[in-house]
Amino acid sequence: MGENLAFFGADEIRNFYLQISTNVRKLRENKGISQLDMALSMDIKSVAFYSNCESCRYDKHFNLEHIYKISKILDVEVGEIFKF
């Protein structure tokens, strides 16, 4: 490891979350599934919370449990969600 990876800028991390959210939205829309149906399938009580995660609004984002559930619901490999 030639680089010092100990520090990451806030913009870099935000872009990481934005890319994941964009991928989730595209995959969900391609499957024809609504945000409401995703939230219910993931046992998320608020569609607004799901929507905020999918758009990174209010610094909300998906966690690893969410990513796992999303991959199962959308029938995609987890790696598809993390593609850049």
PDB file of N, CA and C in Angstrom:
ATOM      1  N   MET A   1       0.845  -1.180   0.000  1.00  0.00           N
ATOM      2  CA  MET A   1       0.000   0.000   0.000  1.00  0.00           C
ATOM      3  C   MET A   1       0.882   1.232   0.000  1.00  0.00           C
ATOM      4  N   GLY A   2       0.994   1.845  -1.141  1.00  0.00           N
ATOM      5  CA  GLY A   2       1.840   3.003  -1.269  1.00  0.00           C
ATOM      6  C   GLY A   2       1.219   4.275  -0.734  1.00  0.00           C
ATOM      7  N   GLU A   3      -0.099   4.329  -0.671  1.00  0.00           N
ATOM      8  CA  GLU A   3      -0.787   5.544  -0.241  1.00  0.00           C
ATOM      9  C   GLU A   3      -1.104   5.484   1.248  1.00  0.00           C
ATOM     10  N   ASN A   4      -1.164   6.643   1.863  1.00  0.00           N
ATOM     11  CA  ASN A   4      -1.642   6.724   3.231  1.00  0.00           C
ATOM     12  C   ASN A   4      -3.160   6.875   3.155  1.00  0.00           C
ATOM     13  N   LEU A   5      -3.852   5.807   3.481  1.00  0.00           N
ATOM     14  CA  LEU A   5      -5.315   5.810   3.375  1.00  0.00           C
ATOM     15  C   LEU A   5      -6.000   6.089   4.710  1.00  0.00           C
ATOM     16  N   ALA A   6      -5.248   6.638   5.642  1.00  0.00           N
ATOM     17  CA  ALA A   6      -5.793   6.868   6.972  1.00  0.00           C
ATOM     18  C   ALA A   6      -6.826   7.992   6.980  1.00  0.00           C
ATOM     19  N   PHE A   7      -6.737   8.917   6.042  1.00  0.00           N
ATOM     20  CA  PHE A   7      -7.637  10.063   6.053  1.00  0.00           C
ATOM     21  C   PHE A   7      -8.368  10.184   4.718  1.00  0.00           C
ATOM     22  N   PHE A   8      -9.659  10.343   4.811  1.00  0.00           N
ATOM     23  CA  PHE A   8     -10.492  10.529   3.627  1.00  0.00           C
ATOM     24  C   PHE A   8     -11.241  11.839   3.805  1.00  0.00           C
ATOM     25  N   GLY A   9     -11.349  12.589   2.729  1.00  0.00           N
ATOM     26  CA  GLY A   9     -12.077  13.840   2.788  1.00  0.00           C
ATOM     27  C   GLY A   9     -13.572  13.614   2.867  1.00  0.00           C
ATOM     28  N   ALA A  10     -14.266  14.560   3.458  1.00  0.00           N
ATOM     29  CA  ALA A  10     -15.720  14.472   3.583  1.00  0.00           C
ATOM     30  C   ALA A  10     -16.386  14.398   2.216  1.00  0.00           C
ATOM     31  N   ASP A  11     -15.842  15.122   1.240  1.00  0.00           N
ATOM     32  CA  ASP A  11     -16.413  15.088  -0.115  1.00  0.00           C
ATOM     33  C   ASP A  11     -16.279  13.706  -0.730  1.00  0.00           C
ATOM     34  N   GLU A  12     -15.154  13.057  -0.500  1.00  0.00           N
ATOM     35  CA  GLU A  12     -14.936  11.717  -1.048  1.00  0.00           C
ATOM     36  C   GLU A  12     -15.940  10.722  -0.465  1.00  0.00           C
ATOM     37  N   ILE A  13     -16.157  10.799   0.826  1.00  0.00           N
ATOM     38  CA  ILE A  13     -17.115   9.904   1.486  1.00  0.00           C
ATOM     39  C   ILE A  13     -18.532  10.211   1.012  1.00  0.00           C
ATOM     40  N   ARG A  14     -18.869  11.488   0.897  1.00  0.00           N
ATOM     41  CA  ARG A  14     -20.208  11.868   0.414  1.00  0.00           C
ATOM     42  C   ARG A  14     -20.430  11.349  -1.007  1.00  0.00           C
ATOM     43  N   ASN A  15     -19.432  11.471  -1.862  1.00  0.00           N
ATOM     44  CA  ASN A  15     -19.548  10.959  -3.229  1.00  0.00           C
ATOM     45  C   ASN A  15     -19.722   9.446  -3.252  1.00  0.00           C
ATOM     46  N   PHE A  16     -19.066   8.756  -2.330  1.00  0.00           N
ATOM     47  CA  PHE A  16     -19.213   7.307  -2.199  1.00  0.00           C
ATOM     48  C   PHE A  16     -20.671   6.963  -1.893  1.00  0.00           C
ATOM     49  N   TYR A  17     -21.248   7.620  -0.892  1.00  0.00           N
ATOM     50  CA  TYR A  17     -22.650   7.379  -0.538  1.00  0.00           C
ATOM     51  C   TYR A  17     -23.590   7.756  -1.681  1.00  0.00           C
ATOM     52  N   LEU A  18     -23.297   8.864  -2.361  1.00  0.00           N
ATOM     53  CA  LEU A  18     -24.142   9.279  -3.485  1.00  0.00           C
ATOM     54  C   LEU A  18     -24.132   8.252  -4.607  1.00  0.00           C
ATOM     55  N   GLN A  19     -22.983   7.667  -4.896  1.00  0.00           N
ATOM     56  CA  GLN A  19     -22.902   6.665  -5.955  1.00  0.00           C
ATOM     57  C   GLN A  19     -23.704   5.423  -5.589  1.00  0.00           C
ATOM     58  N   ILE A  20     -23.592   4.984  -4.339  1.00  0.00           N
ATOM     59  CA  ILE A  20     -24.369   3.827  -3.888  1.00  0.00           C
ATOM     60  C   ILE A  20     -25.862   4.122  -3.999  1.00  0.00           C
ATOM     61  N   SER A  21     -26.270   5.290  -3.548  1.00  0.00           N
ATOM     62  CA  SER A  21     -27.688   5.659  -3.615  1.00  0.00           C
ATOM     63  C   SER A  21     -28.186   5.725  -5.051  1.00  0.00           C
ATOM     64  N   THR A  22     -27.374   6.268  -5.938  1.00  0.00           N
ATOM     65  CA  THR A  22     -27.737   6.336  -7.355  1.00  0.00           C
ATOM     66  C   THR A  22     -27.901   4.937  -7.932  1.00  0.00           C
ATOM     67  N   ASN A  23     -26.979   4.057  -7.591  1.00  0.00           N
ATOM     68  CA  ASN A  23     -27.056   2.674  -8.081  1.00  0.00           C
ATOM     69  C   ASN A  23     -28.327   1.989  -7.570  1.00  0.00           C
ATOM     70  N   VAL A  24     -28.643   2.179  -6.296  1.00  0.00           N
ATOM     71  CA  VAL A  24     -29.849   1.567  -5.728  1.00  0.00           C
ATOM     72  C   VAL A  24     -31.086   2.090  -6.443  1.00  0.00           C
ATOM     73  N   ARG A  25     -31.153   3.397  -6.641  1.00  0.00           N
ATOM     74  CA  ARG A  25     -32.326   3.983  -7.317  1.00  0.00           C
ATOM     75  C   ARG A  25     -32.482   3.410  -8.717  1.00  0.00           C
ATOM     76  N   LYS A  26     -31.397   3.362  -9.485  1.00  0.00           N
ATOM     77  CA  LYS A  26     -31.467   2.841 -10.857  1.00  0.00           C
ATOM     78  C   LYS A  26     -31.885   1.378 -10.873  1.00  0.00           C
ATOM     79  N   LEU A  27     -31.301   0.573  -9.988  1.00  0.00           N
ATOM     80  CA  LEU A  27     -31.655  -0.846  -9.938  1.00  0.00           C
ATOM     81  C   LEU A  27     -33.120  -1.030  -9.549  1.00  0.00           C
ATOM     82  N   ARG A  28     -33.580  -0.244  -8.571  1.00  0.00           N
ATOM     83  CA  ARG A  28     -34.970  -0.321  -8.123  1.00  0.00           C
ATOM     84  C   ARG A  28     -35.914   0.071  -9.250  1.00  0.00           C
ATOM     85  N   GLU A  29     -35.616   1.186  -9.914  1.00  0.00           N
ATOM     86  CA  GLU A  29     -36.480   1.644 -11.003  1.00  0.00           C
ATOM     87  C   GLU A  29     -36.503   0.644 -12.150  1.00  0.00           C
ATOM     88  N   ASN A  30     -35.359   0.034 -12.446  1.00  0.00           N
ATOM     89  CA  ASN A  30     -35.309  -0.980 -13.513  1.00  0.00           C
ATOM     90  C   ASN A  30     -36.186  -2.185 -13.197  1.00  0.00           C
ATOM     91  N   LYS A  31     -36.364  -2.475 -11.920  1.00  0.00           N
ATOM     92  CA  LYS A  31     -37.223  -3.593 -11.509  1.00  0.00           C
ATOM     93  C   LYS A  31     -38.682  -3.171 -11.365  1.00  0.00           C
ATOM     94  N   GLY A  32     -38.953  -1.873 -11.486  1.00  0.00           N
ATOM     95  CA  GLY A  32     -40.326  -1.385 -11.381  1.00  0.00           C
ATOM     96  C   GLY A  32     -40.872  -1.435  -9.966  1.00  0.00           C
ATOM     97  N   ILE A  33     -40.027  -1.261  -8.992  1.00  0.00           N
ATOM     98  CA  ILE A  33     -40.440  -1.319  -7.583  1.00  0.00           C
ATOM     99  C   ILE A  33     -40.456   0.096  -7.019  1.00  0.00           C
ATOM    100  N   SER A  34     -41.512   0.431  -6.291  1.00  0.00           N
ATOM    101  CA  SER A  34     -41.632   1.764  -5.709  1.00  0.00           C
ATOM    102  C   SER A  34     -40.790   1.880  -4.435  1.00  0.00           C
ATOM    103  N   GLN A  35     -40.543   3.111  -4.032  1.00  0.00           N
ATOM    104  CA  GLN A  35     -39.845   3.336  -2.764  1.00  0.00           C
ATOM    105  C   GLN A  35     -40.668   2.786  -1.604  1.00  0.00           C
ATOM    106  N   LEU A  36     -41.971   2.939  -1.672  1.00  0.00           N
ATOM    107  CA  LEU A  36     -42.842   2.411  -0.617  1.00  0.00           C
ATOM    108  C   LEU A  36     -42.686   0.904  -0.503  1.00  0.00           C
ATOM    109  N   ASP A  37     -42.725   0.210  -1.625  1.00  0.00           N
ATOM    110  CA  ASP A  37     -42.585  -1.247  -1.594  1.00  0.00           C
ATOM    111  C   ASP A  37     -41.218  -1.671  -1.074  1.00  0.00           C
ATOM    112  N   MET A  38     -40.174  -0.913  -1.437  1.00  0.00           N
ATOM    113  CA  MET A  38     -38.833  -1.221  -0.923  1.00  0.00           C
ATOM    114  C   MET A  38     -38.799  -1.047   0.586  1.00  0.00           C
ATOM    115  N   ALA A  39     -39.320   0.074   1.064  1.00  0.00           N
ATOM    116  CA  ALA A  39     -39.315   0.342   2.500  1.00  0.00           C
ATOM    117  C   ALA A  39     -40.058  -0.760   3.256  1.00  0.00           C
ATOM    118  N   LEU A  40     -41.221  -1.144   2.765  1.00  0.00           N
ATOM    119  CA  LEU A  40     -42.004  -2.189   3.424  1.00  0.00           C
ATOM    120  C   LEU A  40     -41.265  -3.529   3.403  1.00  0.00           C
ATOM    121  N   SER A  41     -40.663  -3.864   2.270  1.00  0.00           N
ATOM    122  CA  SER A  41     -39.943  -5.130   2.147  1.00  0.00           C
ATOM    123  C   SER A  41     -38.715  -5.175   3.050  1.00  0.00           C
ATOM    124  N   MET A  42     -38.143  -4.006   3.316  1.00  0.00           N
ATOM    125  CA  MET A  42     -36.949  -3.929   4.157  1.00  0.00           C
ATOM    126  C   MET A  42     -37.301  -3.750   5.632  1.00  0.00           C
ATOM    127  N   ASP A  43     -38.595  -3.726   5.944  1.00  0.00           N
ATOM    128  CA  ASP A  43     -39.082  -3.502   7.301  1.00  0.00           C
ATOM    129  C   ASP A  43     -38.666  -2.131   7.837  1.00  0.00           C
ATOM    130  N   ILE A  44     -38.640  -1.155   6.930  1.00  0.00           N
ATOM    131  CA  ILE A  44     -38.402   0.237   7.315  1.00  0.00           C
ATOM    132  C   ILE A  44     -39.775   0.872   7.482  1.00  0.00           C
ATOM    133  N   LYS A  45     -40.014   1.452   8.625  1.00  0.00           N
ATOM    134  CA  LYS A  45     -41.349   1.947   8.962  1.00  0.00           C
ATOM    135  C   LYS A  45     -41.720   3.241   8.249  1.00  0.00           C
ATOM    136  N   SER A  46     -40.732   3.944   7.697  1.00  0.00           N
ATOM    137  CA  SER A  46     -41.007   5.237   7.081  1.00  0.00           C
ATOM    138  C   SER A  46     -40.466   5.272   5.662  1.00  0.00           C
ATOM    139  N   VAL A  47     -41.358   5.498   4.701  1.00  0.00           N
ATOM    140  CA  VAL A  47     -40.907   5.627   3.321  1.00  0.00           C
ATOM    141  C   VAL A  47     -40.052   6.883   3.174  1.00  0.00           C
ATOM    142  N   ALA A  48     -40.305   7.890   4.011  1.00  0.00           N
ATOM    143  CA  ALA A  48     -39.501   9.114   3.969  1.00  0.00           C
ATOM    144  C   ALA A  48     -38.050   8.803   4.332  1.00  0.00           C
ATOM    145  N   PHE A  49     -37.841   7.932   5.319  1.00  0.00           N
ATOM    146  CA  PHE A  49     -36.480   7.554   5.683  1.00  0.00           C
ATOM    147  C   PHE A  49     -35.807   6.846   4.513  1.00  0.00           C
ATOM    148  N   TYR A  50     -36.516   5.908   3.885  1.00  0.00           N
ATOM    149  CA  TYR A  50     -35.958   5.213   2.720  1.00  0.00           C
ATOM    150  C   TYR A  50     -35.614   6.221   1.629  1.00  0.00           C
ATOM    151  N   SER A  51     -36.541   7.127   1.338  1.00  0.00           N
ATOM    152  CA  SER A  51     -36.329   8.136   0.305  1.00  0.00           C
ATOM    153  C   SER A  51     -35.111   9.000   0.618  1.00  0.00           C
ATOM    154  N   ASN A  52     -34.959   9.379   1.874  1.00  0.00           N
ATOM    155  CA  ASN A  52     -33.807  10.184   2.283  1.00  0.00           C
ATOM    156  C   ASN A  52     -32.503   9.415   2.091  1.00  0.00           C
ATOM    157  N   CYS A  53     -32.515   8.133   2.381  1.00  0.00           N
ATOM    158  CA  CYS A  53     -31.324   7.305   2.162  1.00  0.00           C
ATOM    159  C   CYS A  53     -31.001   7.204   0.674  1.00  0.00           C
ATOM    160  N   GLU A  54     -32.030   7.042  -0.139  1.00  0.00           N
ATOM    161  CA  GLU A  54     -31.824   6.872  -1.572  1.00  0.00           C
ATOM    162  C   GLU A  54     -31.336   8.159  -2.233  1.00  0.00           C
ATOM    163  N   SER A  55     -31.553   9.292  -1.591  1.00  0.00           N
ATOM    164  CA  SER A  55     -31.102  10.570  -2.154  1.00  0.00           C
ATOM    165  C   SER A  55     -30.001  11.216  -1.313  1.00  0.00           C
ATOM    166  N   CYS A  56     -29.596  10.546  -0.250  1.00  0.00           N
ATOM    167  CA  CYS A  56     -28.588  11.086   0.689  1.00  0.00           C
ATOM    168  C   CYS A  56     -29.020  12.424   1.278  1.00  0.00           C
ATOM    169  N   ARG A  57     -30.306  12.623   1.394  1.00  0.00           N
ATOM    170  CA  ARG A  57     -30.844  13.853   1.974  1.00  0.00           C
ATOM    171  C   ARG A  57     -30.668  13.809   3.494  1.00  0.00           C
ATOM    172  N   TYR A  58     -30.362  14.942   4.078  1.00  0.00           N
ATOM    173  CA  TYR A  58     -30.173  15.077   5.524  1.00  0.00           C
ATOM    174  C   TYR A  58     -29.081  14.140   6.046  1.00  0.00           C
ATOM    175  N   ASP A  59     -28.090  13.878   5.201  1.00  0.00           N
ATOM    176  CA  ASP A  59     -26.963  12.985   5.552  1.00  0.00           C
ATOM    177  C   ASP A  59     -27.401  11.569   5.894  1.00  0.00           C
ATOM    178  N   LYS A  60     -28.542  11.144   5.403  1.00  0.00           N
ATOM    179  CA  LYS A  60     -28.998   9.760   5.589  1.00  0.00           C
ATOM    180  C   LYS A  60     -28.416   8.913   4.468  1.00  0.00           C
ATOM    181  N   HIS A  61     -28.076   7.682   4.792  1.00  0.00           N
ATOM    182  CA  HIS A  61     -27.552   6.761   3.787  1.00  0.00           C
ATOM    183  C   HIS A  61     -27.813   5.335   4.230  1.00  0.00           C
ATOM    184  N   PHE A  62     -27.701   4.419   3.286  1.00  0.00           N
ATOM    185  CA  PHE A  62     -27.923   3.015   3.578  1.00  0.00           C
ATOM    186  C   PHE A  62     -26.749   2.449   4.372  1.00  0.00           C
ATOM    187  N   ASN A  63     -27.064   1.553   5.318  1.00  0.00           N
ATOM    188  CA  ASN A  63     -26.007   0.840   6.035  1.00  0.00           C
ATOM    189  C   ASN A  63     -25.842  -0.550   5.415  1.00  0.00           C
ATOM    190  N   LEU A  64     -24.949  -1.341   5.942  1.00  0.00           N
ATOM    191  CA  LEU A  64     -24.674  -2.654   5.349  1.00  0.00           C
ATOM    192  C   LEU A  64     -25.882  -3.582   5.403  1.00  0.00           C
ATOM    193  N   GLU A  65     -26.642  -3.522   6.468  1.00  0.00           N
ATOM    194  CA  GLU A  65     -27.859  -4.343   6.546  1.00  0.00           C
ATOM    195  C   GLU A  65     -28.831  -3.946   5.436  1.00  0.00           C
ATOM    196  N   HIS A  66     -28.981  -2.644   5.234  1.00  0.00           N
ATOM    197  CA  HIS A  66     -29.848  -2.166   4.150  1.00  0.00           C
ATOM    198  C   HIS A  66     -29.364  -2.682   2.801  1.00  0.00           C
ATOM    199  N   ILE A  67     -28.061  -2.575   2.554  1.00  0.00           N
ATOM    200  CA  ILE A  67     -27.490  -3.004   1.273  1.00  0.00           C
ATOM    201  C   ILE A  67     -27.757  -4.493   1.046  1.00  0.00           C
ATOM    202  N   TYR A  68     -27.587  -5.284   2.095  1.00  0.00           N
ATOM    203  CA  TYR A  68     -27.840  -6.721   1.986  1.00  0.00           C
ATOM    204  C   TYR A  68     -29.306  -6.979   1.617  1.00  0.00           C
ATOM    205  N   LYS A  69     -30.218  -6.324   2.323  1.00  0.00           N
ATOM    206  CA  LYS A  69     -31.649  -6.503   2.058  1.00  0.00           C
ATOM    207  C   LYS A  69     -32.005  -6.029   0.646  1.00  0.00           C
ATOM    208  N   ILE A  70     -31.446  -4.899   0.242  1.00  0.00           N
ATOM    209  CA  ILE A  70     -31.715  -4.372  -1.101  1.00  0.00           C
ATOM    210  C   ILE A  70     -31.272  -5.374  -2.153  1.00  0.00           C
ATOM    211  N   SER A  71     -30.090  -5.952  -1.972  1.00  0.00           N
ATOM    212  CA  SER A  71     -29.592  -6.916  -2.959  1.00  0.00           C
ATOM    213  C   SER A  71     -30.515  -8.124  -3.067  1.00  0.00           C
ATOM    214  N   LYS A  72     -31.058  -8.583  -1.941  1.00  0.00           N
ATOM    215  CA  LYS A  72     -31.966  -9.731  -1.952  1.00  0.00           C
ATOM    216  C   LYS A  72     -33.299  -9.377  -2.598  1.00  0.00           C
ATOM    217  N   ILE A  73     -33.840  -8.218  -2.247  1.00  0.00           N
ATOM    218  CA  ILE A  73     -35.134  -7.800  -2.795  1.00  0.00           C
ATOM    219  C   ILE A  73     -35.045  -7.588  -4.299  1.00  0.00           C
ATOM    220  N   LEU A  74     -33.965  -6.964  -4.750  1.00  0.00           N
ATOM    221  CA  LEU A  74     -33.809  -6.662  -6.174  1.00  0.00           C
ATOM    222  C   LEU A  74     -33.171  -7.804  -6.946  1.00  0.00           C
ATOM    223  N   ASP A  75     -32.778  -8.848  -6.229  1.00  0.00           N
ATOM    224  CA  ASP A  75     -32.164 -10.023  -6.839  1.00  0.00           C
ATOM    225  C   ASP A  75     -30.923  -9.637  -7.665  1.00  0.00           C
ATOM    226  N   VAL A  76     -30.026  -8.886  -7.013  1.00  0.00           N
ATOM    227  CA  VAL A  76     -28.757  -8.494  -7.625  1.00  0.00           C
ATOM    228  C   VAL A  76     -27.632  -8.823  -6.647  1.00  0.00           C
ATOM    229  N   GLU A  77     -26.440  -8.983  -7.182  1.00  0.00           N
ATOM    230  CA  GLU A  77     -25.269  -9.180  -6.340  1.00  0.00           C
ATOM    231  C   GLU A  77     -24.964  -7.873  -5.607  1.00  0.00           C
ATOM    232  N   VAL A  78     -24.480  -7.980  -4.384  1.00  0.00           N
ATOM    233  CA  VAL A  78     -24.120  -6.790  -3.611  1.00  0.00           C
ATOM    234  C   VAL A  78     -23.140  -5.916  -4.393  1.00  0.00           C
ATOM    235  N   GLY A  79     -22.247  -6.550  -5.137  1.00  0.00           N
ATOM    236  CA  GLY A  79     -21.269  -5.805  -5.922  1.00  0.00           C
ATOM    237  C   GLY A  79     -21.894  -4.858  -6.932  1.00  0.00           C
ATOM    238  N   GLU A  80     -23.100  -5.180  -7.423  1.00  0.00           N
ATOM    239  CA  GLU A  80     -23.792  -4.290  -8.357  1.00  0.00           C
ATOM    240  C   GLU A  80     -24.109  -2.951  -7.701  1.00  0.00           C
ATOM    241  N   ILE A  81     -24.394  -2.987  -6.424  1.00  0.00           N
ATOM    242  CA  ILE A  81     -24.740  -1.774  -5.695  1.00  0.00           C
ATOM    243  C   ILE A  81     -23.506  -0.897  -5.492  1.00  0.00           C
ATOM    244  N   PHE A  82     -22.340  -1.531  -5.385  1.00  0.00           N
ATOM    245  CA  PHE A  82     -21.096  -0.802  -5.123  1.00  0.00           C
ATOM    246  C   PHE A  82     -20.323  -0.437  -6.384  1.00  0.00           C
ATOM    247  N   LYS A  83     -20.875  -0.673  -7.568  1.00  0.00           N
ATOM    248  CA  LYS A  83     -20.158  -0.358  -8.810  1.00  0.00           C
ATOM    249  C   LYS A  83     -19.956   1.143  -8.967  1.00  0.00           C
ATOM    250  N   PHE A  84     -18.773   1.481  -9.455  1.00  0.00           N
ATOM    251  CA  PHE A  84     -18.439   2.890  -9.717  1.00  0.00           C
ATOM    252  C   PHE A  84     -18.097   3.079 -11.163  1.00  0.00           C
TER     253      PHE A  84
END
